[in-house]
Amino acid sequence: MLIGGGCTILPGVTIGERRFVAAGTLVTKDIPPRSFVVGRPGRIEPLPAHLDHPNSAHLWQQQRDLWHPAADNAALDWPADWPERY
């Protein structure tokens, strides 16, 4: 299941295996397996063939950002003129 940013999903709606919701979609009803939802209100379409495979982390995981709270900032090579703390 992948859900795009800015989606509105109403209470009681079920979303599960191999369902994709496009960014900004308004989901008003349950989504059947292997489907793609887009629009306001959400329009259910068949899942495109290139997306019809089990989800894996590479589809949604982003690289760690320099300013991410979990980043190991001590290991970075900071410029000498930058203060230790702000």
PDB file of N, CA and C in Angstrom:
ATOM      1  N   MET A   1       0.851  -1.163   0.000  1.00  0.00           N
ATOM      2  CA  MET A   1       0.000   0.000   0.000  1.00  0.00           C
ATOM      3  C   MET A   1       0.903   1.233   0.000  1.00  0.00           C
ATOM      4  N   LEU A   2       0.671   2.130  -0.908  1.00  0.00           N
ATOM      5  CA  LEU A   2       1.380   3.407  -0.944  1.00  0.00           C
ATOM      6  C   LEU A   2       0.341   4.519  -0.984  1.00  0.00           C
ATOM      7  N   ILE A   3       0.535   5.527  -0.143  1.00  0.00           N
ATOM      8  CA  ILE A   3      -0.396   6.654  -0.079  1.00  0.00           C
ATOM      9  C   ILE A   3       0.392   7.926  -0.341  1.00  0.00           C
ATOM     10  N   GLY A   4      -0.042   8.685  -1.331  1.00  0.00           N
ATOM     11  CA  GLY A   4       0.616   9.938  -1.680  1.00  0.00           C
ATOM     12  C   GLY A   4       0.337  11.032  -0.665  1.00  0.00           C
ATOM     13  N   GLY A   5       1.100  12.087  -0.701  1.00  0.00           N
ATOM     14  CA  GLY A   5       0.948  13.198   0.221  1.00  0.00           C
ATOM     15  C   GLY A   5      -0.337  13.977   0.004  1.00  0.00           C
ATOM     16  N   GLY A   6      -0.868  14.537   1.071  1.00  0.00           N
ATOM     17  CA  GLY A   6      -2.046  15.393   0.987  1.00  0.00           C
ATOM     18  C   GLY A   6      -3.341  14.650   0.744  1.00  0.00           C
ATOM     19  N   CYS A   7      -3.370  13.355   0.987  1.00  0.00           N
ATOM     20  CA  CYS A   7      -4.606  12.578   0.790  1.00  0.00           C
ATOM     21  C   CYS A   7      -5.541  12.763   1.971  1.00  0.00           C
ATOM     22  N   THR A   8      -6.834  12.653   1.715  1.00  0.00           N
ATOM     23  CA  THR A   8      -7.837  12.643   2.763  1.00  0.00           C
ATOM     24  C   THR A   8      -8.530  11.296   2.691  1.00  0.00           C
ATOM     25  N   ILE A   9      -8.427  10.531   3.778  1.00  0.00           N
ATOM     26  CA  ILE A   9      -9.048   9.211   3.839  1.00  0.00           C
ATOM     27  C   ILE A   9     -10.101   9.257   4.926  1.00  0.00           C
ATOM     28  N   LEU A  10     -11.358   9.052   4.536  1.00  0.00           N
ATOM     29  CA  LEU A  10     -12.454   9.140   5.490  1.00  0.00           C
ATOM     30  C   LEU A  10     -12.432   7.970   6.465  1.00  0.00           C
ATOM     31  N   PRO A  11     -12.991   8.166   7.676  1.00  0.00           N
ATOM     32  CA  PRO A  11     -13.013   7.100   8.676  1.00  0.00           C
ATOM     33  C   PRO A  11     -13.760   5.867   8.170  1.00  0.00           C
ATOM     34  N   GLY A  12     -13.260   4.693   8.557  1.00  0.00           N
ATOM     35  CA  GLY A  12     -13.907   3.443   8.196  1.00  0.00           C
ATOM     36  C   GLY A  12     -13.505   2.873   6.855  1.00  0.00           C
ATOM     37  N   VAL A  13     -12.672   3.576   6.105  1.00  0.00           N
ATOM     38  CA  VAL A  13     -12.229   3.105   4.789  1.00  0.00           C
ATOM     39  C   VAL A  13     -11.098   2.100   4.981  1.00  0.00           C
ATOM     40  N   THR A  14     -11.152   0.987   4.246  1.00  0.00           N
ATOM     41  CA  THR A  14     -10.126  -0.050   4.316  1.00  0.00           C
ATOM     42  C   THR A  14      -9.210   0.055   3.102  1.00  0.00           C
ATOM     43  N   ILE A  15      -7.902   0.118   3.391  1.00  0.00           N
ATOM     44  CA  ILE A  15      -6.890   0.149   2.333  1.00  0.00           C
ATOM     45  C   ILE A  15      -5.871  -0.913   2.706  1.00  0.00           C
ATOM     46  N   GLY A  16      -5.544  -1.798   1.776  1.00  0.00           N
ATOM     47  CA  GLY A  16      -4.630  -2.886   2.111  1.00  0.00           C
ATOM     48  C   GLY A  16      -3.671  -3.208   0.984  1.00  0.00           C
ATOM     49  N   GLU A  17      -3.495  -4.505   0.707  1.00  0.00           N
ATOM     50  CA  GLU A  17      -2.468  -5.017  -0.195  1.00  0.00           C
ATOM     51  C   GLU A  17      -2.577  -4.493  -1.631  1.00  0.00           C
ATOM     52  N   ARG A  18      -1.429  -4.061  -2.162  1.00  0.00           N
ATOM     53  CA  ARG A  18      -1.279  -3.599  -3.553  1.00  0.00           C
ATOM     54  C   ARG A  18      -2.322  -2.565  -3.969  1.00  0.00           C
ATOM     55  N   ARG A  19      -2.465  -1.574  -3.140  1.00  0.00           N
ATOM     56  CA  ARG A  19      -3.372  -0.464  -3.451  1.00  0.00           C
ATOM     57  C   ARG A  19      -2.546   0.812  -3.409  1.00  0.00           C
ATOM     58  N   PHE A  20      -2.726   1.639  -4.406  1.00  0.00           N
ATOM     59  CA  PHE A  20      -1.983   2.885  -4.500  1.00  0.00           C
ATOM     60  C   PHE A  20      -2.965   4.048  -4.516  1.00  0.00           C
ATOM     61  N   VAL A  21      -2.671   5.071  -3.709  1.00  0.00           N
ATOM     62  CA  VAL A  21      -3.516   6.255  -3.636  1.00  0.00           C
ATOM     63  C   VAL A  21      -2.665   7.442  -4.082  1.00  0.00           C
ATOM     64  N   ALA A  22      -3.083   8.123  -5.135  1.00  0.00           N
ATOM     65  CA  ALA A  22      -2.329   9.258  -5.678  1.00  0.00           C
ATOM     66  C   ALA A  22      -2.385  10.450  -4.721  1.00  0.00           C
ATOM     67  N   ALA A  23      -1.407  11.322  -4.827  1.00  0.00           N
ATOM     68  CA  ALA A  23      -1.339  12.512  -3.979  1.00  0.00           C
ATOM     69  C   ALA A  23      -2.586  13.377  -4.158  1.00  0.00           C
ATOM     70  N   GLY A  24      -3.119  13.868  -3.053  1.00  0.00           N
ATOM     71  CA  GLY A  24      -4.260  14.763  -3.079  1.00  0.00           C
ATOM     72  C   GLY A  24      -5.606  14.085  -3.268  1.00  0.00           C
ATOM     73  N   THR A  25      -5.654  12.767  -3.216  1.00  0.00           N
ATOM     74  CA  THR A  25      -6.900  12.038  -3.456  1.00  0.00           C
ATOM     75  C   THR A  25      -7.810  12.077  -2.238  1.00  0.00           C
ATOM     76  N   LEU A  26      -9.116  12.136  -2.475  1.00  0.00           N
ATOM     77  CA  LEU A  26     -10.128  12.033  -1.420  1.00  0.00           C
ATOM     78  C   LEU A  26     -10.710  10.629  -1.503  1.00  0.00           C
ATOM     79  N   VAL A  27     -10.383   9.780  -0.511  1.00  0.00           N
ATOM     80  CA  VAL A  27     -10.836   8.390  -0.505  1.00  0.00           C
ATOM     81  C   VAL A  27     -12.102   8.310   0.339  1.00  0.00           C
ATOM     82  N   THR A  28     -13.217   7.924  -0.307  1.00  0.00           N
ATOM     83  CA  THR A  28     -14.513   7.903   0.378  1.00  0.00           C
ATOM     84  C   THR A  28     -15.064   6.501   0.611  1.00  0.00           C
ATOM     85  N   LYS A  29     -14.480   5.483  -0.026  1.00  0.00           N
ATOM     86  CA  LYS A  29     -14.978   4.116   0.134  1.00  0.00           C
ATOM     87  C   LYS A  29     -13.829   3.124   0.091  1.00  0.00           C
ATOM     88  N   ASP A  30     -14.098   1.869   0.504  1.00  0.00           N
ATOM     89  CA  ASP A  30     -13.072   0.827   0.517  1.00  0.00           C
ATOM     90  C   ASP A  30     -12.479   0.637  -0.873  1.00  0.00           C
ATOM     91  N   ILE A  31     -11.198   0.278  -0.893  1.00  0.00           N
ATOM     92  CA  ILE A  31     -10.487   0.109  -2.151  1.00  0.00           C
ATOM     93  C   ILE A  31     -10.234  -1.384  -2.361  1.00  0.00           C
ATOM     94  N   PRO A  32     -10.682  -1.955  -3.478  1.00  0.00           N
ATOM     95  CA  PRO A  32     -10.451  -3.382  -3.738  1.00  0.00           C
ATOM     96  C   PRO A  32      -8.967  -3.662  -4.001  1.00  0.00           C
ATOM     97  N   PRO A  33      -8.534  -4.939  -3.846  1.00  0.00           N
ATOM     98  CA  PRO A  33      -7.136  -5.282  -4.094  1.00  0.00           C
ATOM     99  C   PRO A  33      -6.702  -4.940  -5.523  1.00  0.00           C
ATOM    100  N   ARG A  34      -5.403  -4.664  -5.659  1.00  0.00           N
ATOM    101  CA  ARG A  34      -4.779  -4.353  -6.947  1.00  0.00           C
ATOM    102  C   ARG A  34      -5.490  -3.220  -7.691  1.00  0.00           C
ATOM    103  N   SER A  35      -5.568  -2.086  -7.025  1.00  0.00           N
ATOM    104  CA  SER A  35      -6.215  -0.943  -7.665  1.00  0.00           C
ATOM    105  C   SER A  35      -5.435   0.330  -7.391  1.00  0.00           C
ATOM    106  N   PHE A  36      -5.741   1.343  -8.174  1.00  0.00           N
ATOM    107  CA  PHE A  36      -5.100   2.650  -8.125  1.00  0.00           C
ATOM    108  C   PHE A  36      -6.213   3.673  -7.959  1.00  0.00           C
ATOM    109  N   VAL A  37      -6.084   4.587  -7.000  1.00  0.00           N
ATOM    110  CA  VAL A  37      -7.132   5.571  -6.739  1.00  0.00           C
ATOM    111  C   VAL A  37      -6.567   6.964  -7.000  1.00  0.00           C
ATOM    112  N   VAL A  38      -7.324   7.752  -7.746  1.00  0.00           N
ATOM    113  CA  VAL A  38      -6.882   9.095  -8.097  1.00  0.00           C
ATOM    114  C   VAL A  38      -8.093  10.020  -8.166  1.00  0.00           C
ATOM    115  N   GLY A  39      -7.910  11.279  -7.771  1.00  0.00           N
ATOM    116  CA  GLY A  39      -8.952  12.289  -7.936  1.00  0.00           C
ATOM    117  C   GLY A  39      -9.676  12.671  -6.662  1.00  0.00           C
ATOM    118  N   ARG A  40     -10.569  13.647  -6.798  1.00  0.00           N
ATOM    119  CA  ARG A  40     -11.392  14.144  -5.691  1.00  0.00           C
ATOM    120  C   ARG A  40     -12.814  14.229  -6.171  1.00  0.00           C
ATOM    121  N   PRO A  41     -13.696  13.340  -5.842  1.00  0.00           N
ATOM    122  CA  PRO A  41     -13.489  12.161  -4.989  1.00  0.00           C
ATOM    123  C   PRO A  41     -12.722  11.089  -5.734  1.00  0.00           C
ATOM    124  N   GLY A  42     -12.166  10.144  -4.973  1.00  0.00           N
ATOM    125  CA  GLY A  42     -11.307   9.097  -5.530  1.00  0.00           C
ATOM    126  C   GLY A  42     -12.003   8.246  -6.577  1.00  0.00           C
ATOM    127  N   ARG A  43     -11.341   8.067  -7.693  1.00  0.00           N
ATOM    128  CA  ARG A  43     -11.826   7.226  -8.792  1.00  0.00           C
ATOM    129  C   ARG A  43     -10.946   5.979  -8.807  1.00  0.00           C
ATOM    130  N   ILE A  44     -11.566   4.803  -8.672  1.00  0.00           N
ATOM    131  CA  ILE A  44     -10.818   3.556  -8.607  1.00  0.00           C
ATOM    132  C   ILE A  44     -10.560   3.042 -10.015  1.00  0.00           C
ATOM    133  N   GLU A  45      -9.282   2.781 -10.308  1.00  0.00           N
ATOM    134  CA  GLU A  45      -8.864   2.287 -11.616  1.00  0.00           C
ATOM    135  C   GLU A  45      -8.040   1.018 -11.426  1.00  0.00           C
ATOM    136  N   PRO A  46      -7.905   0.185 -12.466  1.00  0.00           N
ATOM    137  CA  PRO A  46      -7.051  -0.993 -12.353  1.00  0.00           C
ATOM    138  C   PRO A  46      -5.596  -0.581 -12.108  1.00  0.00           C
ATOM    139  N   LEU A  47      -4.888  -1.389 -11.372  1.00  0.00           N
ATOM    140  CA  LEU A  47      -3.487  -1.109 -11.086  1.00  0.00           C
ATOM    141  C   LEU A  47      -2.652  -1.303 -12.346  1.00  0.00           C
ATOM    142  N   PRO A  48      -1.850  -0.302 -12.738  1.00  0.00           N
ATOM    143  CA  PRO A  48      -0.992  -0.463 -13.916  1.00  0.00           C
ATOM    144  C   PRO A  48      -0.031  -1.643 -13.736  1.00  0.00           C
ATOM    145  N   ALA A  49       0.299  -2.313 -14.821  1.00  0.00           N
ATOM    146  CA  ALA A  49       1.134  -3.517 -14.771  1.00  0.00           C
ATOM    147  C   ALA A  49       2.490  -3.263 -14.112  1.00  0.00           C
ATOM    148  N   HIS A  50       3.089  -2.100 -14.341  1.00  0.00           N
ATOM    149  CA  HIS A  50       4.416  -1.836 -13.776  1.00  0.00           C
ATOM    150  C   HIS A  50       4.389  -1.640 -12.263  1.00  0.00           C
ATOM    151  N   LEU A  51       3.204  -1.470 -11.668  1.00  0.00           N
ATOM    152  CA  LEU A  51       3.079  -1.347 -10.214  1.00  0.00           C
ATOM    153  C   LEU A  51       2.553  -2.621  -9.563  1.00  0.00           C
ATOM    154  N   ASP A  52       2.175  -3.603 -10.350  1.00  0.00           N
ATOM    155  CA  ASP A  52       1.551  -4.812  -9.814  1.00  0.00           C
ATOM    156  C   ASP A  52       2.599  -5.835  -9.369  1.00  0.00           C
ATOM    157  N   HIS A  53       3.245  -5.538  -8.251  1.00  0.00           N
ATOM    158  CA  HIS A  53       4.184  -6.458  -7.622  1.00  0.00           C
ATOM    159  C   HIS A  53       4.202  -6.142  -6.135  1.00  0.00           C
ATOM    160  N   PRO A  54       4.643  -7.063  -5.294  1.00  0.00           N
ATOM    161  CA  PRO A  54       4.661  -6.786  -3.849  1.00  0.00           C
ATOM    162  C   PRO A  54       5.477  -5.542  -3.538  1.00  0.00           C
ATOM    163  N   ASN A  55       5.024  -4.771  -2.568  1.00  0.00           N
ATOM    164  CA  ASN A  55       5.730  -3.553  -2.179  1.00  0.00           C
ATOM    165  C   ASN A  55       7.083  -3.893  -1.567  1.00  0.00           C
ATOM    166  N   SER A  56       8.045  -3.059  -1.815  1.00  0.00           N
ATOM    167  CA  SER A  56       9.345  -3.200  -1.184  1.00  0.00           C
ATOM    168  C   SER A  56       9.803  -1.823  -0.731  1.00  0.00           C
ATOM    169  N   ALA A  57      10.748  -1.809   0.167  1.00  0.00           N
ATOM    170  CA  ALA A  57      11.194  -0.552   0.764  1.00  0.00           C
ATOM    171  C   ALA A  57      11.736   0.433  -0.266  1.00  0.00           C
ATOM    172  N   HIS A  58      12.313  -0.031  -1.372  1.00  0.00           N
ATOM    173  CA  HIS A  58      12.894   0.909  -2.340  1.00  0.00           C
ATOM    174  C   HIS A  58      11.830   1.781  -3.002  1.00  0.00           C
ATOM    175  N   LEU A  59      10.551   1.421  -2.918  1.00  0.00           N
ATOM    176  CA  LEU A  59       9.485   2.242  -3.499  1.00  0.00           C
ATOM    177  C   LEU A  59       9.167   3.468  -2.645  1.00  0.00           C
ATOM    178  N   TRP A  60       9.406   3.374  -1.355  1.00  0.00           N
ATOM    179  CA  TRP A  60       8.997   4.479  -0.478  1.00  0.00           C
ATOM    180  C   TRP A  60      10.111   5.026   0.382  1.00  0.00           C
ATOM    181  N   GLN A  61      11.208   4.317   0.562  1.00  0.00           N
ATOM    182  CA  GLN A  61      12.267   4.778   1.433  1.00  0.00           C
ATOM    183  C   GLN A  61      13.090   5.859   0.762  1.00  0.00           C
ATOM    184  N   GLN A  62      13.330   6.925   1.492  1.00  0.00           N
ATOM    185  CA  GLN A  62      14.151   8.011   0.965  1.00  0.00           C
ATOM    186  C   GLN A  62      15.531   7.956   1.607  1.00  0.00           C
ATOM    187  N   GLN A  63      16.504   8.512   0.920  1.00  0.00           N
ATOM    188  CA  GLN A  63      17.838   8.589   1.486  1.00  0.00           C
ATOM    189  C   GLN A  63      17.813   9.506   2.702  1.00  0.00           C
ATOM    190  N   ARG A  64      18.663   9.229   3.652  1.00  0.00           N
ATOM    191  CA  ARG A  64      18.718  10.051   4.858  1.00  0.00           C
ATOM    192  C   ARG A  64      19.230  11.444   4.508  1.00  0.00           C
ATOM    193  N   ASP A  65      18.540  12.434   4.974  1.00  0.00           N
ATOM    194  CA  ASP A  65      18.873  13.824   4.700  1.00  0.00           C
ATOM    195  C   ASP A  65      19.951  14.295   5.675  1.00  0.00           C
ATOM    196  N   LEU A  66      20.742  15.280   5.273  1.00  0.00           N
ATOM    197  CA  LEU A  66      21.772  15.833   6.144  1.00  0.00           C
ATOM    198  C   LEU A  66      21.172  16.336   7.458  1.00  0.00           C
ATOM    199  N   TRP A  67      19.971  16.908   7.406  1.00  0.00           N
ATOM    200  CA  TRP A  67      19.370  17.505   8.598  1.00  0.00           C
ATOM    201  C   TRP A  67      18.369  16.574   9.271  1.00  0.00           C
ATOM    202  N   HIS A  68      18.376  15.314   8.904  1.00  0.00           N
ATOM    203  CA  HIS A  68      17.478  14.345   9.530  1.00  0.00           C
ATOM    204  C   HIS A  68      17.878  14.161  10.995  1.00  0.00           C
ATOM    205  N   PRO A  69      16.904  14.098  11.933  1.00  0.00           N
ATOM    206  CA  PRO A  69      17.230  13.966  13.357  1.00  0.00           C
ATOM    207  C   PRO A  69      18.047  12.709  13.673  1.00  0.00           C
ATOM    208  N   ALA A  70      17.902  11.656  12.893  1.00  0.00           N
ATOM    209  CA  ALA A  70      18.626  10.416  13.175  1.00  0.00           C
ATOM    210  C   ALA A  70      19.999  10.375  12.494  1.00  0.00           C
ATOM    211  N   ALA A  71      20.349  11.422  11.772  1.00  0.00           N
ATOM    212  CA  ALA A  71      21.640  11.445  11.081  1.00  0.00           C
ATOM    213  C   ALA A  71      22.770  11.545  12.103  1.00  0.00           C
ATOM    214  N   ASP A  72      23.884  10.930  11.798  1.00  0.00           N
ATOM    215  CA  ASP A  72      25.055  10.989  12.666  1.00  0.00           C
ATOM    216  C   ASP A  72      25.835  12.248  12.316  1.00  0.00           C
ATOM    217  N   ASN A  73      25.410  13.383  12.866  1.00  0.00           N
ATOM    218  CA  ASN A  73      26.014  14.669  12.519  1.00  0.00           C
ATOM    219  C   ASN A  73      27.450  14.797  13.017  1.00  0.00           C
ATOM    220  N   ALA A  74      27.820  14.022  14.039  1.00  0.00           N
ATOM    221  CA  ALA A  74      29.194  14.094  14.556  1.00  0.00           C
ATOM    222  C   ALA A  74      30.192  13.552  13.537  1.00  0.00           C
ATOM    223  N   ALA A  75      29.741  12.648  12.690  1.00  0.00           N
ATOM    224  CA  ALA A  75      30.638  12.045  11.706  1.00  0.00           C
ATOM    225  C   ALA A  75      30.837  12.926  10.470  1.00  0.00           C
ATOM    226  N   LEU A  76      30.085  14.008  10.355  1.00  0.00           N
ATOM    227  CA  LEU A  76      30.199  14.878   9.190  1.00  0.00           C
ATOM    228  C   LEU A  76      31.399  15.801   9.318  1.00  0.00           C
ATOM    229  N   ASP A  77      31.970  16.174   8.197  1.00  0.00           N
ATOM    230  CA  ASP A  77      33.123  17.072   8.170  1.00  0.00           C
ATOM    231  C   ASP A  77      32.613  18.506   8.039  1.00  0.00           C
ATOM    232  N   TRP A  78      32.310  19.137   9.193  1.00  0.00           N
ATOM    233  CA  TRP A  78      31.775  20.490   9.196  1.00  0.00           C
ATOM    234  C   TRP A  78      32.887  21.491   8.929  1.00  0.00           C
ATOM    235  N   PRO A  79      32.562  22.623   8.279  1.00  0.00           N
ATOM    236  CA  PRO A  79      33.566  23.685   8.094  1.00  0.00           C
ATOM    237  C   PRO A  79      34.063  24.195   9.450  1.00  0.00           C
ATOM    238  N   ALA A  80      35.328  24.580   9.520  1.00  0.00           N
ATOM    239  CA  ALA A  80      35.942  25.006  10.786  1.00  0.00           C
ATOM    240  C   ALA A  80      35.281  26.253  11.368  1.00  0.00           C
ATOM    241  N   ASP A  81      34.722  27.132  10.529  1.00  0.00           N
ATOM    242  CA  ASP A  81      34.137  28.364  11.041  1.00  0.00           C
ATOM    243  C   ASP A  81      32.694  28.198  11.505  1.00  0.00           C
ATOM    244  N   TRP A  82      32.116  27.012  11.431  1.00  0.00           N
ATOM    245  CA  TRP A  82      30.746  26.795  11.907  1.00  0.00           C
ATOM    246  C   TRP A  82      30.779  26.581  13.413  1.00  0.00           C
ATOM    247  N   PRO A  83      29.822  27.178  14.124  1.00  0.00           N
ATOM    248  CA  PRO A  83      29.796  26.994  15.582  1.00  0.00           C
ATOM    249  C   PRO A  83      29.425  25.549  15.964  1.00  0.00           C
ATOM    250  N   GLU A  84      29.821  25.154  17.184  1.00  0.00           N
ATOM    251  CA  GLU A  84      29.490  23.806  17.687  1.00  0.00           C
ATOM    252  C   GLU A  84      27.988  23.649  17.853  1.00  0.00           C
ATOM    253  N   ARG A  85      27.339  24.659  18.415  1.00  0.00           N
ATOM    254  CA  ARG A  85      25.892  24.620  18.662  1.00  0.00           C
ATOM    255  C   ARG A  85      25.283  25.965  18.295  1.00  0.00           C
ATOM    256  N   TYR A  86      23.984  25.948  18.036  1.00  0.00           N
ATOM    257  CA  TYR A  86      23.293  27.196  17.706  1.00  0.00           C
ATOM    258  C   TYR A  86      22.549  27.679  18.890  1.00  0.00           C
TER     259      TYR A  86
END
